[in-house]
Amino acid sequence: MNCTLRTPLIFFALLCYFALTVAALAIFLFPSFRDRVLRTTISLSTAIAVFFIKFGYRFGLVSEASFQLVRDGGLGVRTFAVRHRYLLLSGMGLLIVPVMLSVAFGTGRVLFFDDWATASDPKIEALLKGEQLVPPPALPPEIFATAEVEQVRPLTKEGSRDWAVLDADFRNRLLLVYKIMKEKHGYDLALLEGYRSPERQAKLAALGNTVTLAKANQSYHQYGLAADNAFFRNGKLVISERDPWAMEGYRLYGEVAESVGLVWGGRWSFKDYGHVEYRKPGFKLPRD
């Protein structure tokens, strides 16, 4: 996450944390305020529950017995909450404070969920250690310069497709994906782009967030740990997400990629079906 976006989030999180701290102190130090807050919260939540139960009862969605149980049980809930107010308030604090601290001082991934953790299959790990795979033959440059490719992925023809500059561990995992997709599912894959320089990353970022959300040095491409791939059929690339055959391929591709310990871009809110990257142990991607 860049500094421009992160700073307001940190300020907002700290402000919320300060407000919660003041409210918690007031609740613990002033019994009358504590009881008022607790009774108001319980009354409001009970009223909301009763409202929906009444609504369901009126339209025949809730039985009369359930309606009576909820209505009469409200008093019991209030009594229980008042009697155990310190325990309930302590539990709320334990739940809220760690989240606020994570938002304020963490990387921001709690909010955006862009780090989809995957566990690699032990059998796959054994295969990776025992087999050195060879990259497929390079495709003619004109295949990457068609109007269809340019429309879906601008400037693809300028991308690097040199397997040698990729991280060795990532390269072997990606080649294993190629092998499984071909032998098990019948899909041929083609590398659109592997390593990407900071200058090219900045150039793509300037095209807008429909192309990439990462600025220079904020992508795993800059470290040889990411690649964009597409399918190759009948002598041309198939990238379009409107193609049912391709979408089924992307689904399988994502499953295979995750099985070898890679992160698949199809899991993100910003869908990038052809993208995979390797969160290499010990490597931390700069976000600022």
C-alpha atoms as a PDB file:
ATOM      1  CA  MET A   1       0.000   0.000   0.000  1.00  0.00           C
ATOM      2  CA  ASN A   2       1.440   3.407  -0.878  1.00  0.00           C
ATOM      3  CA  CYS A   3       2.034   6.185   1.686  1.00  0.00           C
ATOM      4  CA  THR A   4      -0.700   8.431   0.291  1.00  0.00           C
ATOM      5  CA  LEU A   5      -3.363   5.857   1.099  1.00  0.00           C
ATOM      6  CA  ARG A   6      -1.836   4.469   4.244  1.00  0.00           C
ATOM      7  CA  THR A   7      -1.370   7.731   6.192  1.00  0.00           C
ATOM      8  CA  PRO A   8      -5.109   8.611   6.405  1.00  0.00           C
ATOM      9  CA  LEU A   9      -5.855   5.014   7.416  1.00  0.00           C
ATOM     10  CA  ILE A  10      -3.324   5.175  10.240  1.00  0.00           C
ATOM     11  CA  PHE A  11      -4.716   8.533  11.423  1.00  0.00           C
ATOM     12  CA  PHE A  12      -8.278   7.205  11.334  1.00  0.00           C
ATOM     13  CA  ALA A  13      -7.287   4.019  13.177  1.00  0.00           C
ATOM     14  CA  LEU A  14      -5.490   5.984  15.890  1.00  0.00           C
ATOM     15  CA  LEU A  15      -8.457   8.323  16.253  1.00  0.00           C
ATOM     16  CA  CYS A  16     -10.828   5.375  16.635  1.00  0.00           C
ATOM     17  CA  TYR A  17      -8.469   3.723  19.094  1.00  0.00           C
ATOM     18  CA  PHE A  18      -8.286   6.930  21.180  1.00  0.00           C
ATOM     19  CA  ALA A  19     -12.081   7.209  21.202  1.00  0.00           C
ATOM     20  CA  LEU A  20     -12.455   3.569  22.236  1.00  0.00           C
ATOM     21  CA  THR A  21      -9.859   4.004  24.993  1.00  0.00           C
ATOM     22  CA  VAL A  22     -11.620   7.070  26.409  1.00  0.00           C
ATOM     23  CA  ALA A  23     -14.969   5.275  26.269  1.00  0.00           C
ATOM     24  CA  ALA A  24     -13.512   2.192  27.966  1.00  0.00           C
ATOM     25  CA  LEU A  25     -12.000   4.291  30.765  1.00  0.00           C
ATOM     26  CA  ALA A  26     -15.298   6.093  31.290  1.00  0.00           C
ATOM     27  CA  ILE A  27     -17.141   2.777  31.435  1.00  0.00           C
ATOM     28  CA  PHE A  28     -14.766   1.316  34.024  1.00  0.00           C
ATOM     29  CA  LEU A  29     -14.380   4.472  36.165  1.00  0.00           C
ATOM     30  CA  PHE A  30     -17.970   5.734  36.248  1.00  0.00           C
ATOM     31  CA  PRO A  31     -20.529   3.105  37.292  1.00  0.00           C
ATOM     32  CA  SER A  32     -23.538   5.225  36.330  1.00  0.00           C
ATOM     33  CA  PHE A  33     -22.174   5.807  32.819  1.00  0.00           C
ATOM     34  CA  ARG A  34     -21.251   2.122  32.544  1.00  0.00           C
ATOM     35  CA  ASP A  35     -24.733   0.972  33.472  1.00  0.00           C
ATOM     36  CA  ARG A  36     -26.340   3.479  31.124  1.00  0.00           C
ATOM     37  CA  VAL A  37     -24.195   2.377  28.175  1.00  0.00           C
ATOM     38  CA  LEU A  38     -24.722  -1.286  28.913  1.00  0.00           C
ATOM     39  CA  ARG A  39     -28.473  -1.003  29.358  1.00  0.00           C
ATOM     40  CA  THR A  40     -28.805   1.120  26.213  1.00  0.00           C
ATOM     41  CA  THR A  41     -26.773  -1.370  24.151  1.00  0.00           C
ATOM     42  CA  ILE A  42     -28.721  -4.355  25.429  1.00  0.00           C
ATOM     43  CA  SER A  43     -32.083  -2.623  25.010  1.00  0.00           C
ATOM     44  CA  LEU A  44     -31.235  -1.583  21.468  1.00  0.00           C
ATOM     45  CA  SER A  45     -30.011  -5.033  20.419  1.00  0.00           C
ATOM     46  CA  THR A  46     -33.018  -6.702  22.047  1.00  0.00           C
ATOM     47  CA  ALA A  47     -35.404  -4.263  20.354  1.00  0.00           C
ATOM     48  CA  ILE A  48     -33.846  -4.993  16.968  1.00  0.00           C
ATOM     49  CA  ALA A  49     -34.115  -8.745  17.528  1.00  0.00           C
ATOM     50  CA  VAL A  50     -37.740  -8.473  18.641  1.00  0.00           C
ATOM     51  CA  PHE A  51     -38.546  -6.279  15.635  1.00  0.00           C
ATOM     52  CA  PHE A  52     -37.306  -8.897  13.172  1.00  0.00           C
ATOM     53  CA  ILE A  53     -38.997 -11.697  15.090  1.00  0.00           C
ATOM     54  CA  LYS A  54     -42.274  -9.726  15.028  1.00  0.00           C
ATOM     55  CA  PHE A  55     -41.823  -9.209  11.301  1.00  0.00           C
ATOM     56  CA  GLY A  56     -41.292 -12.924  10.781  1.00  0.00           C
ATOM     57  CA  TYR A  57     -44.231 -13.780  13.054  1.00  0.00           C
ATOM     58  CA  ARG A  58     -46.563 -11.432  11.166  1.00  0.00           C
ATOM     59  CA  PHE A  59     -45.769 -13.075   7.821  1.00  0.00           C
ATOM     60  CA  GLY A  60     -45.837 -16.594   9.171  1.00  0.00           C
ATOM     61  CA  LEU A  61     -42.079 -17.130   9.016  1.00  0.00           C
ATOM     62  CA  VAL A  62     -41.700 -17.583  12.787  1.00  0.00           C
ATOM     63  CA  SER A  63     -43.888 -19.699  15.053  1.00  0.00           C
ATOM     64  CA  GLU A  64     -45.808 -18.221  17.971  1.00  0.00           C
ATOM     65  CA  ALA A  65     -43.721 -20.230  20.432  1.00  0.00           C
ATOM     66  CA  SER A  66     -40.492 -18.762  19.037  1.00  0.00           C
ATOM     67  CA  PHE A  67     -41.975 -15.278  19.180  1.00  0.00           C
ATOM     68  CA  GLN A  68     -42.939 -15.671  22.855  1.00  0.00           C
ATOM     69  CA  LEU A  69     -39.528 -17.143  23.690  1.00  0.00           C
ATOM     70  CA  VAL A  70     -37.618 -14.225  22.188  1.00  0.00           C
ATOM     71  CA  ARG A  71     -39.929 -11.595  23.680  1.00  0.00           C
ATOM     72  CA  ASP A  72     -39.825 -13.061  27.175  1.00  0.00           C
ATOM     73  CA  GLY A  73     -36.147 -13.896  26.945  1.00  0.00           C
ATOM     74  CA  GLY A  74     -35.107 -10.281  26.534  1.00  0.00           C
ATOM     75  CA  LEU A  75     -35.253  -9.667  30.277  1.00  0.00           C
ATOM     76  CA  GLY A  76     -33.070 -12.689  30.931  1.00  0.00           C
ATOM     77  CA  VAL A  77     -30.471 -11.414  28.464  1.00  0.00           C
ATOM     78  CA  ARG A  78     -30.415  -8.015  30.166  1.00  0.00           C
ATOM     79  CA  THR A  79     -30.001  -9.611  33.614  1.00  0.00           C
ATOM     80  CA  PHE A  80     -27.163 -11.849  32.418  1.00  0.00           C
ATOM     81  CA  ALA A  81     -25.336  -8.970  30.709  1.00  0.00           C
ATOM     82  CA  VAL A  82     -25.590  -6.665  33.736  1.00  0.00           C
ATOM     83  CA  ARG A  83     -24.410  -9.394  36.076  1.00  0.00           C
ATOM     84  CA  HIS A  84     -21.393 -10.231  33.889  1.00  0.00           C
ATOM     85  CA  ARG A  85     -20.687  -6.756  32.525  1.00  0.00           C
ATOM     86  CA  TYR A  86     -16.984  -6.720  33.424  1.00  0.00           C
ATOM     87  CA  LEU A  87     -16.355 -10.019  31.674  1.00  0.00           C
ATOM     88  CA  LEU A  88     -18.264  -8.897  28.566  1.00  0.00           C
ATOM     89  CA  LEU A  89     -16.453  -5.539  28.409  1.00  0.00           C
ATOM     90  CA  SER A  90     -13.063  -7.213  28.837  1.00  0.00           C
ATOM     91  CA  GLY A  91     -13.879  -9.607  26.012  1.00  0.00           C
ATOM     92  CA  MET A  92     -14.870  -6.742  23.737  1.00  0.00           C
ATOM     93  CA  GLY A  93     -11.586  -5.009  24.490  1.00  0.00           C
ATOM     94  CA  LEU A  94      -9.574  -8.128  23.699  1.00  0.00           C
ATOM     95  CA  LEU A  95     -11.331  -8.387  20.325  1.00  0.00           C
ATOM     96  CA  ILE A  96     -11.181  -4.722  19.311  1.00  0.00           C
ATOM     97  CA  VAL A  97      -7.720  -3.585  20.458  1.00  0.00           C
ATOM     98  CA  PRO A  98      -5.599  -6.104  18.445  1.00  0.00           C
ATOM     99  CA  VAL A  99      -7.528  -5.299  15.249  1.00  0.00           C
ATOM    100  CA  MET A 100      -7.042  -1.552  15.737  1.00  0.00           C
ATOM    101  CA  LEU A 101      -3.333  -1.994  16.410  1.00  0.00           C
ATOM    102  CA  SER A 102      -2.974  -4.192  13.335  1.00  0.00           C
ATOM    103  CA  VAL A 103      -4.629  -1.576  11.136  1.00  0.00           C
ATOM    104  CA  ALA A 104      -2.594   1.262  12.666  1.00  0.00           C
ATOM    105  CA  PHE A 105       0.850  -0.312  12.616  1.00  0.00           C
ATOM    106  CA  GLY A 106       0.586  -3.249  10.192  1.00  0.00           C
ATOM    107  CA  THR A 107       0.981  -3.436   6.446  1.00  0.00           C
ATOM    108  CA  GLY A 108      -2.644  -2.749   5.639  1.00  0.00           C
ATOM    109  CA  ARG A 109      -3.296  -6.267   4.383  1.00  0.00           C
ATOM    110  CA  VAL A 110      -5.923  -6.798   7.087  1.00  0.00           C
ATOM    111  CA  LEU A 111      -8.084  -4.439   5.020  1.00  0.00           C
ATOM    112  CA  PHE A 112      -7.301  -5.590   1.516  1.00  0.00           C
ATOM    113  CA  PHE A 113      -6.659  -9.344   1.823  1.00  0.00           C
ATOM    114  CA  ASP A 114      -4.242  -9.349  -1.076  1.00  0.00           C
ATOM    115  CA  ASP A 115      -1.971 -11.966   0.485  1.00  0.00           C
ATOM    116  CA  TRP A 116      -3.760 -15.226  -0.154  1.00  0.00           C
ATOM    117  CA  ALA A 117      -1.745 -17.796   1.766  1.00  0.00           C
ATOM    118  CA  THR A 118      -1.364 -21.202   0.156  1.00  0.00           C
ATOM    119  CA  ALA A 119       0.072 -24.457   1.438  1.00  0.00           C
ATOM    120  CA  SER A 120       2.105 -26.571  -0.939  1.00  0.00           C
ATOM    121  CA  ASP A 121       1.453 -30.304  -1.309  1.00  0.00           C
ATOM    122  CA  PRO A 122       4.324 -32.379   0.226  1.00  0.00           C
ATOM    123  CA  LYS A 123       4.337 -34.586  -2.886  1.00  0.00           C
ATOM    124  CA  ILE A 124       4.727 -31.496  -5.056  1.00  0.00           C
ATOM    125  CA  GLU A 125       7.586 -30.284  -2.855  1.00  0.00           C
ATOM    126  CA  ALA A 126       9.340 -33.613  -3.283  1.00  0.00           C
ATOM    127  CA  LEU A 127       8.883 -33.415  -7.047  1.00  0.00           C
ATOM    128  CA  LEU A 128      10.278 -29.884  -7.104  1.00  0.00           C
ATOM    129  CA  LYS A 129      13.410 -30.986  -5.304  1.00  0.00           C
ATOM    130  CA  GLY A 130      13.984 -33.955  -7.552  1.00  0.00           C
ATOM    131  CA  GLU A 131      13.217 -32.671 -11.057  1.00  0.00           C
ATOM    132  CA  GLN A 132      14.756 -29.826 -13.041  1.00  0.00           C
ATOM    133  CA  LEU A 133      12.297 -28.755 -15.716  1.00  0.00           C
ATOM    134  CA  VAL A 134      13.186 -27.045 -18.994  1.00  0.00           C
ATOM    135  CA  PRO A 135      11.327 -23.945 -20.292  1.00  0.00           C
ATOM    136  CA  PRO A 136       9.243 -24.444 -23.454  1.00  0.00           C
ATOM    137  CA  PRO A 137      10.537 -23.132 -26.792  1.00  0.00           C
ATOM    138  CA  ALA A 138      10.111 -19.392 -27.318  1.00  0.00           C
ATOM    139  CA  LEU A 139       7.098 -18.342 -29.395  1.00  0.00           C
ATOM    140  CA  PRO A 140       7.401 -15.898 -32.339  1.00  0.00           C
ATOM    141  CA  PRO A 141       7.257 -12.237 -31.176  1.00  0.00           C
ATOM    142  CA  GLU A 142       4.338 -11.414 -33.502  1.00  0.00           C
ATOM    143  CA  ILE A 143       2.053 -13.700 -31.480  1.00  0.00           C
ATOM    144  CA  PHE A 144       2.281 -11.213 -28.598  1.00  0.00           C
ATOM    145  CA  ALA A 145       1.568  -8.172 -30.778  1.00  0.00           C
ATOM    146  CA  THR A 146      -1.950  -8.938 -32.030  1.00  0.00           C
ATOM    147  CA  ALA A 147      -4.876  -6.561 -31.553  1.00  0.00           C
ATOM    148  CA  GLU A 148      -6.625  -9.031 -29.228  1.00  0.00           C
ATOM    149  CA  VAL A 149      -3.618  -9.308 -26.935  1.00  0.00           C
ATOM    150  CA  GLU A 150      -3.056  -5.551 -26.974  1.00  0.00           C
ATOM    151  CA  GLN A 151      -6.675  -4.915 -26.030  1.00  0.00           C
ATOM    152  CA  VAL A 152      -6.634  -7.241 -23.020  1.00  0.00           C
ATOM    153  CA  ARG A 153      -3.033  -6.657 -21.931  1.00  0.00           C
ATOM    154  CA  PRO A 154      -1.547  -3.418 -23.260  1.00  0.00           C
ATOM    155  CA  LEU A 155       2.158  -3.347 -24.173  1.00  0.00           C
ATOM    156  CA  THR A 156       2.553  -7.123 -23.826  1.00  0.00           C
ATOM    157  CA  LYS A 157       4.833  -7.172 -26.859  1.00  0.00           C
ATOM    158  CA  GLU A 158       7.398  -5.168 -24.855  1.00  0.00           C
ATOM    159  CA  GLY A 159       7.435  -7.590 -21.917  1.00  0.00           C
ATOM    160  CA  SER A 160      10.345  -9.845 -20.982  1.00  0.00           C
ATOM    161  CA  ARG A 161       9.845 -13.561 -21.565  1.00  0.00           C
ATOM    162  CA  ASP A 162      13.317 -14.593 -20.497  1.00  0.00           C
ATOM    163  CA  TRP A 163      12.993 -17.548 -18.121  1.00  0.00           C
ATOM    164  CA  ALA A 164      16.642 -17.248 -17.096  1.00  0.00           C
ATOM    165  CA  VAL A 165      16.113 -14.004 -15.155  1.00  0.00           C
ATOM    166  CA  LEU A 166      13.346 -15.437 -12.973  1.00  0.00           C
ATOM    167  CA  ASP A 167      14.077 -16.631  -9.454  1.00  0.00           C
ATOM    168  CA  ALA A 168      15.219 -20.260  -9.733  1.00  0.00           C
ATOM    169  CA  ASP A 169      12.742 -21.634  -7.197  1.00  0.00           C
ATOM    170  CA  PHE A 170       9.844 -19.702  -8.714  1.00  0.00           C
ATOM    171  CA  ARG A 171      10.864 -20.750 -12.229  1.00  0.00           C
ATOM    172  CA  ASN A 172      10.817 -24.428 -11.306  1.00  0.00           C
ATOM    173  CA  ARG A 173       7.406 -24.125  -9.636  1.00  0.00           C
ATOM    174  CA  LEU A 174       5.968 -22.311 -12.645  1.00  0.00           C
ATOM    175  CA  LEU A 175       7.383 -24.885 -15.050  1.00  0.00           C
ATOM    176  CA  LEU A 176       5.764 -27.593 -12.967  1.00  0.00           C
ATOM    177  CA  VAL A 177       2.445 -25.757 -13.397  1.00  0.00           C
ATOM    178  CA  TYR A 178       3.030 -25.798 -17.161  1.00  0.00           C
ATOM    179  CA  LYS A 179       3.774 -29.524 -17.029  1.00  0.00           C
ATOM    180  CA  ILE A 180       0.669 -30.426 -14.983  1.00  0.00           C
ATOM    181  CA  MET A 181      -1.621 -28.202 -17.056  1.00  0.00           C
ATOM    182  CA  LYS A 182      -0.408 -29.883 -20.242  1.00  0.00           C
ATOM    183  CA  GLU A 183      -0.288 -33.511 -19.104  1.00  0.00           C
ATOM    184  CA  LYS A 184      -3.314 -33.577 -16.797  1.00  0.00           C
ATOM    185  CA  HIS A 185      -5.677 -30.984 -18.271  1.00  0.00           C
ATOM    186  CA  GLY A 186      -4.552 -30.607 -21.905  1.00  0.00           C
ATOM    187  CA  TYR A 187      -3.821 -26.866 -21.750  1.00  0.00           C
ATOM    188  CA  ASP A 188      -0.703 -25.332 -23.263  1.00  0.00           C
ATOM    189  CA  LEU A 189       0.543 -22.245 -21.425  1.00  0.00           C
ATOM    190  CA  ALA A 190       2.601 -19.352 -22.764  1.00  0.00           C
ATOM    191  CA  LEU A 191       4.629 -16.830 -20.773  1.00  0.00           C
ATOM    192  CA  LEU A 192       3.424 -13.294 -21.464  1.00  0.00           C
ATOM    193  CA  GLU A 193       5.805 -11.575 -19.092  1.00  0.00           C
ATOM    194  CA  GLY A 194       8.130 -12.548 -16.275  1.00  0.00           C
ATOM    195  CA  TYR A 195      10.668 -10.072 -14.964  1.00  0.00           C
ATOM    196  CA  ARG A 196       9.548  -6.449 -15.254  1.00  0.00           C
ATOM    197  CA  SER A 197      11.807  -3.463 -14.706  1.00  0.00           C
ATOM    198  CA  PRO A 198      10.765  -0.626 -12.358  1.00  0.00           C
ATOM    199  CA  GLU A 199      10.572   1.694 -15.361  1.00  0.00           C
ATOM    200  CA  ARG A 200       8.164  -0.612 -17.206  1.00  0.00           C
ATOM    201  CA  GLN A 201       6.112  -1.075 -14.033  1.00  0.00           C
ATOM    202  CA  ALA A 202       5.750   2.702 -13.740  1.00  0.00           C
ATOM    203  CA  LYS A 203       4.791   2.898 -17.417  1.00  0.00           C
ATOM    204  CA  LEU A 204       2.032   0.307 -16.959  1.00  0.00           C
ATOM    205  CA  ALA A 205       0.818   1.937 -13.739  1.00  0.00           C
ATOM    206  CA  ALA A 206       0.416   5.197 -15.644  1.00  0.00           C
ATOM    207  CA  LEU A 207      -2.144   3.490 -17.901  1.00  0.00           C
ATOM    208  CA  GLY A 208      -4.562   3.254 -14.958  1.00  0.00           C
ATOM    209  CA  ASN A 209      -5.711   0.805 -12.314  1.00  0.00           C
ATOM    210  CA  THR A 210      -7.385  -1.423 -14.890  1.00  0.00           C
ATOM    211  CA  VAL A 211      -3.887  -2.485 -15.949  1.00  0.00           C
ATOM    212  CA  THR A 212      -2.079  -2.693 -12.599  1.00  0.00           C
ATOM    213  CA  LEU A 213      -2.432  -1.399  -9.058  1.00  0.00           C
ATOM    214  CA  ALA A 214       1.282  -1.650  -8.282  1.00  0.00           C
ATOM    215  CA  LYS A 215       3.782   1.141  -8.807  1.00  0.00           C
ATOM    216  CA  ALA A 216       7.499   0.745  -9.471  1.00  0.00           C
ATOM    217  CA  ASN A 217       9.205  -1.714  -7.093  1.00  0.00           C
ATOM    218  CA  GLN A 218       5.837  -2.666  -5.571  1.00  0.00           C
ATOM    219  CA  SER A 219       5.321  -5.752  -7.733  1.00  0.00           C
ATOM    220  CA  TYR A 220       6.865  -9.205  -7.447  1.00  0.00           C
ATOM    221  CA  HIS A 221       7.666  -8.878 -11.148  1.00  0.00           C
ATOM    222  CA  GLN A 222      10.565  -6.563 -10.249  1.00  0.00           C
ATOM    223  CA  TYR A 223      12.191  -9.349  -8.263  1.00  0.00           C
ATOM    224  CA  GLY A 224      11.711 -12.222 -10.708  1.00  0.00           C
ATOM    225  CA  LEU A 225       9.019 -13.729  -8.488  1.00  0.00           C
ATOM    226  CA  ALA A 226       5.930 -13.202 -10.659  1.00  0.00           C
ATOM    227  CA  ALA A 227       4.704 -14.055 -14.135  1.00  0.00           C
ATOM    228  CA  ASP A 228       1.702 -13.416 -16.360  1.00  0.00           C
ATOM    229  CA  ASN A 229       0.597 -16.382 -18.439  1.00  0.00           C
ATOM    230  CA  ALA A 230      -2.026 -17.180 -21.050  1.00  0.00           C
ATOM    231  CA  PHE A 231      -3.177 -20.194 -23.024  1.00  0.00           C
ATOM    232  CA  PHE A 232      -1.871 -21.135 -26.459  1.00  0.00           C
ATOM    233  CA  ARG A 233      -4.270 -22.810 -28.885  1.00  0.00           C
ATOM    234  CA  ASN A 234      -4.268 -23.229 -32.651  1.00  0.00           C
ATOM    235  CA  GLY A 235      -1.233 -21.024 -33.125  1.00  0.00           C
ATOM    236  CA  LYS A 236      -2.435 -18.022 -31.102  1.00  0.00           C
ATOM    237  CA  LEU A 237      -2.813 -16.772 -27.549  1.00  0.00           C
ATOM    238  CA  VAL A 238      -6.175 -17.110 -25.822  1.00  0.00           C
ATOM    239  CA  ILE A 239      -6.504 -14.445 -23.130  1.00  0.00           C
ATOM    240  CA  SER A 240     -10.127 -13.328 -23.259  1.00  0.00           C
ATOM    241  CA  GLU A 241     -12.124 -14.029 -20.094  1.00  0.00           C
ATOM    242  CA  ARG A 242     -15.235 -14.312 -22.274  1.00  0.00           C
ATOM    243  CA  ASP A 243     -14.002 -17.599 -23.665  1.00  0.00           C
ATOM    244  CA  PRO A 244     -15.527 -20.456 -21.581  1.00  0.00           C
ATOM    245  CA  TRP A 245     -12.645 -22.751 -22.509  1.00  0.00           C
ATOM    246  CA  ALA A 246     -10.150 -20.174 -21.258  1.00  0.00           C
ATOM    247  CA  MET A 247     -12.080 -19.498 -18.033  1.00  0.00           C
ATOM    248  CA  GLU A 248     -12.175 -23.196 -17.217  1.00  0.00           C
ATOM    249  CA  GLY A 249      -8.457 -23.255 -17.911  1.00  0.00           C
ATOM    250  CA  TYR A 250      -7.857 -20.336 -15.567  1.00  0.00           C
ATOM    251  CA  ARG A 251      -9.762 -22.141 -12.817  1.00  0.00           C
ATOM    252  CA  LEU A 252      -7.605 -25.239 -13.219  1.00  0.00           C
ATOM    253  CA  TYR A 253      -4.501 -23.107 -13.573  1.00  0.00           C
ATOM    254  CA  GLY A 254      -5.260 -21.402 -10.251  1.00  0.00           C
ATOM    255  CA  GLU A 255      -5.739 -24.731  -8.490  1.00  0.00           C
ATOM    256  CA  VAL A 256      -2.491 -26.120  -9.869  1.00  0.00           C
ATOM    257  CA  ALA A 257      -0.543 -22.939  -9.086  1.00  0.00           C
ATOM    258  CA  GLU A 258      -1.726 -22.953  -5.482  1.00  0.00           C
ATOM    259  CA  SER A 259      -0.881 -26.643  -5.140  1.00  0.00           C
ATOM    260  CA  VAL A 260       2.785 -25.845  -5.848  1.00  0.00           C
ATOM    261  CA  GLY A 261       2.877 -22.956  -3.379  1.00  0.00           C
ATOM    262  CA  LEU A 262       2.172 -20.008  -5.674  1.00  0.00           C
ATOM    263  CA  VAL A 263      -0.303 -17.179  -5.169  1.00  0.00           C
ATOM    264  CA  TRP A 264      -2.900 -16.867  -7.930  1.00  0.00           C
ATOM    265  CA  GLY A 265      -4.196 -13.457  -9.017  1.00  0.00           C
ATOM    266  CA  GLY A 266      -7.642 -14.891  -9.663  1.00  0.00           C
ATOM    267  CA  ARG A 267      -8.254 -14.854  -5.895  1.00  0.00           C
ATOM    268  CA  TRP A 268      -7.901 -11.100  -5.605  1.00  0.00           C
ATOM    269  CA  SER A 269     -10.659  -8.485  -5.711  1.00  0.00           C
ATOM    270  CA  PHE A 270      -8.702  -7.085  -8.681  1.00  0.00           C
ATOM    271  CA  LYS A 271      -8.961 -10.236 -10.794  1.00  0.00           C
ATOM    272  CA  ASP A 272      -5.753 -11.084 -12.625  1.00  0.00           C
ATOM    273  CA  TYR A 273      -6.383 -14.632 -13.802  1.00  0.00           C
ATOM    274  CA  GLY A 274      -3.111 -15.147 -15.654  1.00  0.00           C
ATOM    275  CA  HIS A 275      -0.919 -13.821 -12.847  1.00  0.00           C
ATOM    276  CA  VAL A 276       0.978 -15.981 -10.362  1.00  0.00           C
ATOM    277  CA  GLU A 277       3.651 -14.987  -7.864  1.00  0.00           C
ATOM    278  CA  TYR A 278       5.836 -16.655  -5.282  1.00  0.00           C
ATOM    279  CA  ARG A 279       5.910 -15.270  -1.736  1.00  0.00           C
ATOM    280  CA  LYS A 280       9.412 -16.527  -1.145  1.00  0.00           C
ATOM    281  CA  PRO A 281      10.248 -17.246   2.513  1.00  0.00           C
ATOM    282  CA  GLY A 282      12.433 -14.480   3.940  1.00  0.00           C
ATOM    283  CA  PHE A 283      11.599 -12.009   1.162  1.00  0.00           C
ATOM    284  CA  LYS A 284       9.528  -8.937   1.984  1.00  0.00           C
ATOM    285  CA  LEU A 285       8.049  -6.874  -0.823  1.00  0.00           C
ATOM    286  CA  PRO A 286       8.395  -3.093  -0.309  1.00  0.00           C
ATOM    287  CA  ARG A 287       4.939  -1.504  -0.163  1.00  0.00           C
ATOM    288  CA  ASP A 288       5.822   2.149   0.405  1.00  0.00           C
END
